[in-house]
Amino acid sequence: MVALESRGGVYIFYPQQRGAHASANLYSLIESAKANHLNDYAYLKYVFAQLPLATSKV
């Protein structure tokens, strides 16, 4: 079980580490949008629309 602290000191518990990592990534995207004074919904919509077009050199 993995605990992830969200805003206000509230902990969310995940039974698997993959779920905790996925949530942390999503929270990071949202907080980055807010820090840059962007509409978080519009930013996520843009990011998810661009994902199929992304290329990786890994």
C-alpha atoms as a PDB file:
ATOM      1  CA  MET A   1       0.000   0.000   0.000  1.00  0.00           C
ATOM      2  CA  VAL A   2       1.345   3.413  -0.991  1.00  0.00           C
ATOM      3  CA  ALA A   3       0.268   6.721   0.538  1.00  0.00           C
ATOM      4  CA  LEU A   4       0.253   9.928  -1.474  1.00  0.00           C
ATOM      5  CA  GLU A   5      -0.249  13.253   0.272  1.00  0.00           C
ATOM      6  CA  SER A   6      -2.602  15.618  -1.500  1.00  0.00           C
ATOM      7  CA  ARG A   7      -3.453  19.230  -0.727  1.00  0.00           C
ATOM      8  CA  GLY A   8      -4.260  20.096   2.844  1.00  0.00           C
ATOM      9  CA  GLY A   9      -2.343  17.187   4.327  1.00  0.00           C
ATOM     10  CA  VAL A  10      -4.920  14.606   3.255  1.00  0.00           C
ATOM     11  CA  TYR A  11      -3.436  11.213   2.453  1.00  0.00           C
ATOM     12  CA  ILE A  12      -4.767   9.009  -0.329  1.00  0.00           C
ATOM     13  CA  PHE A  13      -3.864   5.337  -0.139  1.00  0.00           C
ATOM     14  CA  TYR A  14      -3.264   3.199  -3.206  1.00  0.00           C
ATOM     15  CA  PRO A  15      -3.046  -0.581  -3.141  1.00  0.00           C
ATOM     16  CA  GLN A  16      -0.388  -0.585  -5.872  1.00  0.00           C
ATOM     17  CA  GLN A  17       2.579   1.645  -6.529  1.00  0.00           C
ATOM     18  CA  ARG A  18       1.623   2.110 -10.204  1.00  0.00           C
ATOM     19  CA  GLY A  19      -1.631   3.818  -9.187  1.00  0.00           C
ATOM     20  CA  ALA A  20       0.234   6.148  -6.858  1.00  0.00           C
ATOM     21  CA  HIS A  21       2.714   7.079  -9.616  1.00  0.00           C
ATOM     22  CA  ALA A  22      -0.090   7.726 -12.103  1.00  0.00           C
ATOM     23  CA  SER A  23      -1.911   9.992  -9.652  1.00  0.00           C
ATOM     24  CA  ALA A  24       1.274  11.837  -8.735  1.00  0.00           C
ATOM     25  CA  ASN A  25       1.957  12.504 -12.431  1.00  0.00           C
ATOM     26  CA  LEU A  26      -1.563  13.835 -12.948  1.00  0.00           C
ATOM     27  CA  TYR A  27      -1.379  16.046  -9.849  1.00  0.00           C
ATOM     28  CA  SER A  28       1.969  17.361 -11.078  1.00  0.00           C
ATOM     29  CA  LEU A  29       0.499  18.347 -14.447  1.00  0.00           C
ATOM     30  CA  ILE A  30      -2.427  20.117 -12.781  1.00  0.00           C
ATOM     31  CA  GLU A  31      -0.251  21.992 -10.300  1.00  0.00           C
ATOM     32  CA  SER A  32       2.154  23.032 -13.075  1.00  0.00           C
ATOM     33  CA  ALA A  33      -0.754  24.468 -15.050  1.00  0.00           C
ATOM     34  CA  LYS A  34      -1.997  26.376 -12.009  1.00  0.00           C
ATOM     35  CA  ALA A  35       1.496  27.697 -11.222  1.00  0.00           C
ATOM     36  CA  ASN A  36       1.697  29.077 -14.764  1.00  0.00           C
ATOM     37  CA  HIS A  37      -1.766  30.670 -14.540  1.00  0.00           C
ATOM     38  CA  LEU A  38      -3.287  28.306 -17.106  1.00  0.00           C
ATOM     39  CA  ASN A  39      -6.741  26.788 -17.144  1.00  0.00           C
ATOM     40  CA  ASP A  40      -5.978  23.322 -15.788  1.00  0.00           C
ATOM     41  CA  TYR A  41      -8.781  21.608 -17.723  1.00  0.00           C
ATOM     42  CA  ALA A  42      -7.787  23.217 -21.026  1.00  0.00           C
ATOM     43  CA  TYR A  43      -4.118  22.396 -20.381  1.00  0.00           C
ATOM     44  CA  LEU A  44      -4.850  18.709 -19.685  1.00  0.00           C
ATOM     45  CA  LYS A  45      -7.087  18.559 -22.745  1.00  0.00           C
ATOM     46  CA  TYR A  46      -4.233  19.951 -24.861  1.00  0.00           C
ATOM     47  CA  VAL A  47      -1.616  17.626 -23.351  1.00  0.00           C
ATOM     48  CA  PHE A  48      -3.751  14.517 -23.841  1.00  0.00           C
ATOM     49  CA  ALA A  49      -4.543  15.557 -27.418  1.00  0.00           C
ATOM     50  CA  GLN A  50      -0.811  15.867 -28.144  1.00  0.00           C
ATOM     51  CA  LEU A  51       0.181  12.511 -26.624  1.00  0.00           C
ATOM     52  CA  PRO A  52      -0.657  10.395 -29.705  1.00  0.00           C
ATOM     53  CA  LEU A  53       1.595  12.666 -31.757  1.00  0.00           C
ATOM     54  CA  ALA A  54       4.577  12.370 -29.407  1.00  0.00           C
ATOM     55  CA  THR A  55       7.708  10.513 -30.411  1.00  0.00           C
ATOM     56  CA  SER A  56      10.303   9.022 -28.134  1.00  0.00           C
ATOM     57  CA  LYS A  57      13.932   8.264 -28.829  1.00  0.00           C
ATOM     58  CA  VAL A  58      14.300   5.767 -25.996  1.00  0.00           C
END
